[in-house]
Amino acid sequence: MNTETLDAPPTLGALYGRALLTARSGGDTLPDRTLELAGVSISADAVADYAHVCGFRVGGDVPLTYPHMLAFPLQMRLMTDREFPLPAPGMVHLRNVITQRRSLEVGEPLRLAVHAERLVAHPKGAQVDLVSSIDTGDGAGTWSSRSTYFVRGASADDAAEPAPPEPAPVVGKRPHAVWKVPGDIGRRYAAVSGDVNPIHVNGLAARAFGMPGTIAHGMWSKARVLAALSGRYDPASTVDAVFRAPLRTPSTALLYTAAAKDGWDAVLRSTKGKDHLLLTVRPA
């Protein structure tokens, strides 16, 4: 696989405009290259803004989900490339698996890398994995993530290796928290992440892409659940989240958690019993 080294982080606003111009579906070939960006550092102010939106304690460790904010512009740069076979507008996040070896620190130099793989058919379209990693120069990947995205109505073959089994959290029948999901959480999360996918910020656009209305970002839901578990898991962890059903905004969601043998299980569920998020936390 070839490597393309970037001089600066891609500008998300320009990429979303590009996405509308280059939107397409079909095809079975992914770009044969990795995007890299060195010299990246984490801003204390940006982490604080993210913590406020997602429920983490301000001033604590850099949240395990925060580095996704750094990698996402590279993901968008790859997904809006003319070679990319799936359209970026309306993409739905199906699953995200993060493995972190240690907490990242504010100000330390980071090298980001992103590539795409496993373009496969889905019963209602096609899906693809965007694989991101962060190296801190110590010879080992400090943080890595695999995000699976879905496009309704697109096509792909099934030549890639199958995905690993989904997490199967085991929780009790009684919720541990009841959350009122704000109607503006999509816009607030978009402001700190740059992810302004219309399904999260505009009701008419969301319905045009087959959603019931605006829905919360999957990575906000994952971060919000992890924030509720703060202090109960080690920074060196693997957190596997499946975004099972759209979380409408505004709405009410119920959080179920349970200690597992070597970690934590959690489910975010609607008041009607529909699972929005399945999540497991295990030692890395």
Protein backbone atom coordinates (compact mmCIF):
# COMPACT_ATOMS: atom_id res chain seq x y z
CA MET A 1 0.00 0.00 0.00
CA ASN A 2 1.32 3.43 -0.95
CA THR A 3 1.72 6.24 1.58
CA GLU A 4 0.69 9.85 1.01
CA THR A 5 2.14 12.28 3.55
CA LEU A 6 0.05 15.38 4.25
CA ASP A 7 1.52 18.74 5.23
CA ALA A 8 -1.46 19.89 7.29
CA PRO A 9 -4.78 18.56 8.57
CA PRO A 10 -7.49 18.54 5.88
CA THR A 11 -10.14 21.25 6.22
CA LEU A 12 -13.45 19.55 6.98
CA GLY A 13 -15.64 22.35 5.62
CA ALA A 14 -14.01 22.09 2.21
CA LEU A 15 -14.18 18.30 2.31
CA TYR A 16 -17.93 18.28 2.91
CA GLY A 17 -18.39 20.57 -0.07
CA ARG A 18 -16.21 18.23 -2.09
CA ALA A 19 -18.28 15.26 -0.86
CA LEU A 20 -21.44 16.73 -2.38
CA LEU A 21 -19.68 17.22 -5.72
CA THR A 22 -18.05 13.79 -5.89
CA ALA A 23 -20.85 11.70 -4.35
CA ARG A 24 -21.27 8.35 -6.04
CA SER A 25 -22.06 4.74 -5.28
CA GLY A 26 -20.97 1.44 -6.75
CA GLY A 27 -17.58 -0.01 -7.58
CA ASP A 28 -15.41 -2.41 -5.66
CA THR A 29 -11.97 -0.82 -5.47
CA LEU A 30 -10.68 1.19 -2.53
CA PRO A 31 -7.79 3.68 -2.75
CA ASP A 32 -4.54 1.74 -2.40
CA ARG A 33 -2.85 4.17 -0.07
CA THR A 34 -2.43 5.30 3.51
CA LEU A 35 -2.75 8.96 4.48
CA GLU A 36 -0.22 10.11 7.09
CA LEU A 37 0.10 13.33 9.04
CA ALA A 38 2.95 13.98 11.49
CA GLY A 39 3.46 16.75 14.03
CA VAL A 40 -0.09 16.64 15.38
CA SER A 41 -0.66 17.56 19.02
CA ILE A 42 -3.68 17.58 21.32
CA SER A 43 -4.99 20.96 22.47
CA ALA A 44 -6.09 21.33 26.09
CA ASP A 45 -8.85 23.75 25.07
CA ALA A 46 -10.17 21.37 22.40
CA VAL A 47 -10.22 18.49 24.89
CA ALA A 48 -12.10 20.65 27.41
CA ASP A 49 -14.74 21.57 24.80
CA TYR A 50 -15.10 17.91 23.86
CA ALA A 51 -15.39 16.89 27.52
CA HIS A 52 -18.18 19.40 28.11
CA VAL A 53 -20.22 18.04 25.20
CA CYS A 54 -19.64 14.36 25.99
CA GLY A 55 -19.84 14.41 29.80
CA PHE A 56 -16.20 13.71 30.72
CA ARG A 57 -14.51 15.42 33.65
CA VAL A 58 -12.60 18.46 32.45
CA GLY A 59 -8.95 18.31 33.46
CA GLY A 60 -8.72 14.52 33.61
CA ASP A 61 -7.00 12.20 31.15
CA VAL A 62 -7.54 12.76 27.44
CA PRO A 63 -10.72 10.73 26.80
CA LEU A 64 -10.09 7.45 25.00
CA THR A 65 -12.51 8.47 22.24
CA TYR A 66 -11.03 11.94 21.69
CA PRO A 67 -8.29 10.89 19.18
CA HIS A 68 -11.09 9.99 16.76
CA MET A 69 -11.47 13.78 16.35
CA LEU A 70 -7.88 13.95 15.10
CA ALA A 71 -8.21 11.06 12.67
CA PHE A 72 -11.63 11.97 11.27
CA PRO A 73 -10.38 14.70 8.85
CA LEU A 74 -8.03 12.14 7.29
CA GLN A 75 -10.91 9.69 7.01
CA MET A 76 -12.98 12.33 5.23
CA ARG A 77 -10.09 13.20 2.92
CA LEU A 78 -9.92 9.54 1.87
CA MET A 79 -13.69 9.08 1.59
CA THR A 80 -14.11 12.18 -0.61
CA ASP A 81 -11.36 11.11 -3.00
CA ARG A 82 -12.58 10.51 -6.56
CA GLU A 83 -11.23 6.96 -6.31
CA PHE A 84 -13.40 6.15 -3.29
CA PRO A 85 -16.31 3.95 -4.43
CA LEU A 86 -18.93 5.01 -1.85
CA PRO A 87 -20.56 8.43 -1.36
CA ALA A 88 -19.68 10.25 1.87
CA PRO A 89 -22.97 12.19 2.28
CA GLY A 90 -25.42 10.21 4.39
CA MET A 91 -22.87 7.63 5.54
CA VAL A 92 -23.98 5.89 8.74
CA HIS A 93 -21.54 4.72 11.40
CA LEU A 94 -22.27 1.06 12.23
CA ARG A 95 -19.41 0.11 14.55
CA ASN A 96 -16.27 1.51 16.15
CA VAL A 97 -13.53 -0.45 17.92
CA ILE A 98 -10.78 1.49 19.71
CA THR A 99 -7.70 -0.02 21.33
CA GLN A 100 -5.54 2.24 23.45
CA ARG A 101 -2.24 1.18 25.05
CA ARG A 102 -1.97 4.24 27.29
CA SER A 103 -3.58 7.64 27.67
CA LEU A 104 -2.39 10.23 25.19
CA GLU A 105 -1.09 13.47 26.65
CA VAL A 106 -1.84 17.08 25.79
CA GLY A 107 0.95 18.52 23.66
CA GLU A 108 2.87 15.33 22.83
CA PRO A 109 3.79 14.93 19.13
CA LEU A 110 1.66 12.40 17.26
CA ARG A 111 1.72 10.75 13.85
CA LEU A 112 -1.66 9.84 12.37
CA ALA A 113 -2.30 7.23 9.69
CA VAL A 114 -5.59 6.28 7.99
CA HIS A 115 -6.46 3.74 5.30
CA ALA A 116 -9.60 1.99 4.03
CA GLU A 117 -10.23 -1.72 3.79
CA ARG A 118 -12.94 -4.43 3.79
CA LEU A 119 -15.43 -3.05 1.28
CA VAL A 120 -18.28 -5.55 1.47
CA ALA A 121 -21.98 -5.92 0.73
CA HIS A 122 -24.58 -5.16 3.39
CA PRO A 123 -28.20 -6.42 3.25
CA LYS A 124 -29.31 -2.84 2.51
CA GLY A 125 -26.27 -1.50 0.68
CA ALA A 126 -22.52 -1.60 1.23
CA GLN A 127 -20.08 -0.97 4.07
CA VAL A 128 -16.41 -0.16 4.46
CA ASP A 129 -13.86 0.05 7.29
CA LEU A 130 -11.69 3.11 7.90
CA VAL A 131 -8.67 2.11 9.98
CA SER A 132 -6.87 4.81 11.96
CA SER A 133 -3.75 4.67 14.11
CA ILE A 134 -1.71 7.04 16.22
CA ASP A 135 2.00 6.55 16.86
CA THR A 136 3.81 8.53 19.54
CA GLY A 137 7.30 7.54 18.41
CA ASP A 138 7.88 4.82 21.01
CA GLY A 139 7.87 2.04 18.41
CA ALA A 140 4.38 0.74 19.16
CA GLY A 141 0.93 1.88 18.10
CA THR A 142 -0.44 3.81 21.06
CA TRP A 143 -3.99 4.17 19.77
CA SER A 144 -5.90 2.50 16.95
CA SER A 145 -9.46 2.50 15.71
CA ARG A 146 -11.61 0.68 13.17
CA SER A 147 -14.76 2.50 12.07
CA THR A 148 -17.32 0.67 9.94
CA TYR A 149 -19.51 2.89 7.77
CA PHE A 150 -22.65 1.96 5.82
CA VAL A 151 -24.18 3.48 2.67
CA ARG A 152 -27.79 2.59 1.85
CA GLY A 153 -28.37 1.45 -1.71
CA ALA A 154 -24.68 1.18 -2.63
CA SER A 155 -23.15 -2.03 -3.94
CA ALA A 156 -20.01 -4.07 -3.28
CA ASP A 157 -18.86 -7.66 -3.49
CA ASP A 158 -18.04 -9.93 -0.55
CA ALA A 159 -14.40 -10.67 -1.35
CA ALA A 160 -13.04 -9.20 1.89
CA GLU A 161 -12.51 -11.10 5.11
CA PRO A 162 -15.57 -11.19 7.40
CA ALA A 163 -15.72 -8.79 10.33
CA PRO A 164 -15.06 -10.10 13.86
CA PRO A 165 -18.12 -10.99 15.96
CA GLU A 166 -20.06 -8.10 17.43
CA PRO A 167 -19.84 -7.49 21.18
CA ALA A 168 -22.53 -9.15 23.29
CA PRO A 169 -22.90 -7.11 26.48
CA VAL A 170 -24.74 -8.72 29.39
CA VAL A 171 -26.71 -6.26 31.52
CA GLY A 172 -29.58 -6.43 33.96
CA LYS A 173 -33.21 -5.47 33.49
CA ARG A 174 -33.08 -2.18 35.40
CA PRO A 175 -31.44 0.96 33.97
CA HIS A 176 -28.73 2.76 35.91
CA ALA A 177 -29.44 6.15 34.35
CA VAL A 178 -32.12 7.94 32.35
CA TRP A 179 -30.79 10.52 29.90
CA LYS A 180 -32.60 13.31 28.15
CA VAL A 181 -30.81 13.55 24.82
CA PRO A 182 -30.92 17.24 23.78
CA GLY A 183 -32.33 18.24 20.43
CA ASP A 184 -29.19 20.24 19.65
CA ILE A 185 -26.63 17.57 20.57
CA GLY A 186 -25.93 16.87 16.89
CA ARG A 187 -24.98 20.50 16.29
CA ARG A 188 -23.00 20.73 19.53
CA TYR A 189 -21.01 17.59 18.76
CA ALA A 190 -20.48 18.72 15.16
CA ALA A 191 -19.01 21.96 16.50
CA VAL A 192 -16.28 20.15 18.47
CA SER A 193 -15.68 17.29 16.03
CA GLY A 194 -16.17 18.88 12.62
CA ASP A 195 -18.49 16.01 11.66
CA VAL A 196 -21.33 17.96 10.07
CA ASN A 197 -22.94 15.01 8.31
CA PRO A 198 -26.46 16.33 7.53
CA ILE A 199 -28.19 13.36 9.20
CA HIS A 200 -27.03 14.83 12.54
CA VAL A 201 -27.77 18.51 12.03
CA ASN A 202 -30.69 18.91 9.63
CA GLY A 203 -34.04 17.15 9.96
CA LEU A 204 -35.06 17.43 6.30
CA ALA A 205 -31.69 16.16 5.11
CA ALA A 206 -31.77 13.33 7.64
CA ARG A 207 -35.17 12.15 6.35
CA ALA A 208 -33.89 12.38 2.78
CA PHE A 209 -31.21 9.85 3.75
CA GLY A 210 -33.78 7.49 5.30
CA MET A 211 -33.54 8.61 8.93
CA PRO A 212 -36.59 9.34 11.13
CA GLY A 213 -35.19 12.83 11.79
CA THR A 214 -31.92 14.16 13.14
CA ILE A 215 -29.95 11.50 15.01
CA ALA A 216 -27.08 11.70 17.48
CA HIS A 217 -23.57 10.91 16.27
CA GLY A 218 -22.60 7.36 17.12
CA MET A 219 -19.27 8.55 18.51
CA TRP A 220 -21.10 10.97 20.82
CA SER A 221 -23.16 8.06 22.18
CA LYS A 222 -20.01 5.98 22.67
CA ALA A 223 -18.19 8.83 24.40
CA ARG A 224 -21.20 9.62 26.61
CA VAL A 225 -21.40 6.02 27.82
CA LEU A 226 -17.64 5.90 28.48
CA ALA A 227 -17.92 9.15 30.41
CA ALA A 228 -20.53 7.49 32.63
CA LEU A 229 -18.03 4.67 33.27
CA SER A 230 -15.11 7.03 34.01
CA GLY A 231 -12.75 5.71 36.67
CA ARG A 232 -13.96 2.12 36.28
CA TYR A 233 -11.67 0.98 33.45
CA ASP A 234 -7.97 1.19 32.72
CA PRO A 235 -6.68 3.63 30.08
CA ALA A 236 -5.17 0.59 28.33
CA SER A 237 -8.44 -0.81 27.03
CA THR A 238 -10.32 -1.98 23.97
CA VAL A 239 -13.77 -0.44 23.63
CA ASP A 240 -16.05 -2.05 21.06
CA ALA A 241 -19.28 -0.25 20.21
CA VAL A 242 -22.03 -1.25 17.78
CA PHE A 243 -24.51 1.46 16.80
CA ARG A 244 -27.58 -0.71 16.49
CA ALA A 245 -30.44 1.78 15.94
CA PRO A 246 -30.46 5.55 15.36
CA LEU A 247 -30.74 7.66 18.53
CA ARG A 248 -33.20 10.42 17.65
CA THR A 249 -32.75 13.94 18.94
CA PRO A 250 -34.40 14.95 21.14
CA SER A 251 -35.32 11.74 22.95
CA THR A 252 -35.02 9.82 26.20
CA ALA A 253 -32.45 7.01 26.50
CA LEU A 254 -31.87 4.45 29.23
CA LEU A 255 -28.35 3.37 30.19
CA TYR A 256 -27.78 -0.19 31.42
CA THR A 257 -24.34 -1.17 32.75
CA ALA A 258 -22.82 -4.24 34.40
CA ALA A 259 -19.37 -5.24 35.58
CA ALA A 260 -17.99 -8.07 33.47
CA LYS A 261 -15.34 -10.57 34.53
CA ASP A 262 -12.55 -8.43 33.14
CA GLY A 263 -14.24 -5.15 32.21
CA TRP A 264 -17.62 -3.51 31.69
CA ASP A 265 -20.69 -4.06 29.55
CA ALA A 266 -23.21 -1.37 28.62
CA VAL A 267 -26.34 -0.92 26.53
CA LEU A 268 -28.04 2.34 25.61
CA ARG A 269 -31.71 1.63 24.99
CA SER A 270 -34.86 3.52 24.07
CA THR A 271 -37.85 3.74 26.39
CA LYS A 272 -39.57 1.28 24.02
CA GLY A 273 -36.84 -1.32 24.48
CA LYS A 274 -34.91 -0.76 21.23
CA ASP A 275 -31.12 -1.00 21.56
CA HIS A 276 -29.25 2.06 20.31
CA LEU A 277 -25.72 1.13 21.40
CA LEU A 278 -24.02 -2.09 22.49
CA LEU A 279 -20.66 -1.55 24.19
CA THR A 280 -17.97 -3.61 25.87
CA VAL A 281 -14.80 -2.45 27.62
CA ARG A 282 -11.97 -4.95 28.01
CA PRO A 283 -8.25 -4.71 28.91
CA ALA A 284 -6.03 -4.09 25.89
